[in-house]
Structures are given as C-alpha cells and as structure tokens.
Amino acid sequence: MITRYALFEGSVKPGETAEFRAAILDRLVPLWRQFPGNTDVRVMFSEDRDAGAPEFPLILGITYPDMATMESALTSTARDQSRDVTQEIVAEFFEGRIHHHVTTANHFDP
C-alpha cells in the first residue's frame, strides 16, 4: 500500500476555519474520491498540536495499491480538476504551502 499525503502547512485565515473545512468537504472530497485506483481517501483537520509545532490545518491522505496506480491517478482528469479547485480554496482561505509525501504503510493489529 502506498499513501500520498498532502500536508497543508500554514494557517487558515482568521475566522474562516468553518468555511475552509466546508469548502474542502463539499468541493474537493468528491474530486479526490474520483482519483482512479484509490482505495482510501482520508481528510484530517487539525484540532490541536504540541507547543511550538508547525501548524497543519489539513492533511489529506489518498491510498493506492502501488506506485504505478498512484502515478496513473496523478495524470487523471479528476486530479487536474482538484488542482484548480485547490488553488481557488487556498487563495480564499489559506496562507502557507502544500507539500506532498509518499509513504509505504505497515499495519499492525493491537
């Protein structure tokens, strides 16, 4: 399993948290769910962090069975559309940067 994370490092404009979250859920999640071959889409909104830790108001994780499937999804129409919508939402609500990290998952039962 491969998970590609988008880390939104920065801050939501003051007083805009509810609107930012609604825009993500209403406008982007439907597009992210259309990425071909994904097995899981996770949208995580920050609620708290350690003192002095960088702020990540949003972390997106999309999981794929393998790198080839992920790479194919990154060339899809849904990805192109999501990039456009992300730029709109960022311009309206977010100050910071977005960076991506690809991970290999290891799962362990409790």
Protein backbone atom coordinates (compact mmCIF):
# COMPACT_ATOMS: atom_id res chain seq x y z
CA MET A 1 0.00 0.00 0.00
CA ILE A 2 1.15 3.48 -0.92
CA THR A 3 -0.32 6.60 0.67
CA ARG A 4 0.31 10.03 -0.75
CA TYR A 5 -0.16 12.79 1.79
CA ALA A 6 -0.79 16.43 1.04
CA LEU A 7 0.29 18.50 4.04
CA PHE A 8 -1.22 21.96 4.23
CA GLU A 9 1.40 23.74 6.32
CA GLY A 10 0.38 27.21 7.42
CA SER A 11 -2.83 28.68 8.71
CA VAL A 12 -6.42 29.26 7.77
CA LYS A 13 -7.26 32.95 7.59
CA PRO A 14 -8.71 34.20 10.89
CA GLY A 15 -12.39 33.42 11.34
CA GLU A 16 -12.51 31.23 8.20
CA THR A 17 -11.99 27.73 9.65
CA ALA A 18 -15.58 26.53 9.22
CA GLU A 19 -15.74 27.87 5.67
CA PHE A 20 -12.35 26.33 4.79
CA ARG A 21 -13.43 22.93 6.07
CA ALA A 22 -16.78 23.13 4.29
CA ALA A 23 -15.06 24.04 1.01
CA ILE A 24 -12.73 21.06 1.33
CA LEU A 25 -15.54 18.64 2.13
CA ASP A 26 -18.02 19.99 -0.43
CA ARG A 27 -15.76 20.88 -3.34
CA LEU A 28 -12.64 18.72 -3.11
CA VAL A 29 -13.58 15.44 -1.47
CA PRO A 30 -15.88 14.49 -4.39
CA LEU A 31 -12.98 15.04 -6.80
CA TRP A 32 -10.43 13.22 -4.64
CA ARG A 33 -12.75 10.22 -4.43
CA GLN A 34 -12.68 10.06 -8.25
CA PHE A 35 -8.91 9.55 -8.45
CA PRO A 36 -8.59 6.26 -10.34
CA GLY A 37 -7.48 3.24 -8.33
CA ASN A 38 -7.57 4.83 -4.89
CA THR A 39 -8.53 2.53 -2.03
CA ASP A 40 -8.98 5.17 0.65
CA VAL A 41 -9.34 8.94 0.93
CA ARG A 42 -8.73 10.48 4.35
CA VAL A 43 -9.25 14.13 5.18
CA MET A 44 -7.87 15.10 8.57
CA PHE A 45 -8.47 18.54 10.07
CA SER A 46 -6.18 19.63 12.87
CA GLU A 47 -7.70 20.06 16.30
CA ASP A 48 -4.56 20.52 18.43
CA ARG A 49 -0.77 20.35 18.31
CA ASP A 50 2.24 20.48 20.59
CA ALA A 51 3.51 23.88 21.66
CA GLY A 52 5.87 25.17 19.01
CA ALA A 53 4.89 22.56 16.43
CA PRO A 54 4.17 23.75 12.88
CA GLU A 55 0.52 24.19 12.01
CA PHE A 56 -1.14 21.75 9.60
CA PRO A 57 -4.84 22.68 9.36
CA LEU A 58 -5.39 19.91 6.79
CA ILE A 59 -3.70 16.63 5.98
CA LEU A 60 -5.03 14.67 3.01
CA GLY A 61 -4.12 11.01 2.58
CA ILE A 62 -5.02 9.04 -0.54
CA THR A 63 -4.04 5.37 -0.60
CA TYR A 64 -3.29 3.25 -3.65
CA PRO A 65 -2.33 -0.40 -4.05
CA ASP A 66 1.03 0.51 -5.66
CA MET A 67 3.16 3.30 -7.13
CA ALA A 68 2.04 2.66 -10.70
CA THR A 69 -1.62 3.14 -9.75
CA MET A 70 -0.77 6.33 -7.86
CA GLU A 71 1.23 7.71 -10.78
CA SER A 72 -1.66 6.99 -13.12
CA ALA A 73 -4.10 8.77 -10.80
CA LEU A 74 -1.85 11.82 -10.77
CA THR A 75 -2.38 12.20 -14.53
CA SER A 76 -6.17 11.90 -14.33
CA THR A 77 -8.79 14.49 -15.19
CA ALA A 78 -10.04 14.42 -11.59
CA ARG A 79 -6.54 15.36 -10.40
CA ASP A 80 -6.39 18.26 -12.84
CA GLN A 81 -9.78 19.49 -11.65
CA SER A 82 -8.80 19.11 -8.00
CA ARG A 83 -5.65 21.18 -8.51
CA ASP A 84 -7.74 24.04 -9.94
CA VAL A 85 -10.25 23.89 -7.07
CA THR A 86 -7.45 23.61 -4.50
CA GLN A 87 -5.89 26.80 -5.87
CA GLU A 88 -9.24 28.59 -5.52
CA ILE A 89 -9.74 27.42 -1.93
CA VAL A 90 -6.15 28.22 -0.95
CA ALA A 91 -6.45 31.74 -2.37
CA GLU A 92 -9.64 32.34 -0.43
CA PHE A 93 -8.91 30.69 2.93
CA PHE A 94 -5.32 29.52 3.42
CA GLU A 95 -1.91 31.08 3.96
CA GLY A 96 1.03 28.72 3.69
CA ARG A 97 2.32 25.98 1.47
CA ILE A 98 1.29 22.49 0.44
CA HIS A 99 3.80 19.69 0.15
CA HIS A 100 3.39 16.01 -0.65
CA HIS A 101 4.92 12.90 0.87
CA VAL A 102 4.54 9.33 -0.37
CA THR A 103 4.71 6.58 2.25
CA THR A 104 4.60 2.82 2.44
CA ALA A 105 2.16 1.62 5.08
CA ASN A 106 2.74 -1.06 7.68
CA HIS A 107 -0.32 -2.18 9.64
CA PHE A 108 -0.20 -3.94 12.99
CA ASP A 109 -3.17 -5.29 14.90
CA PRO A 110 -3.36 -4.20 18.56
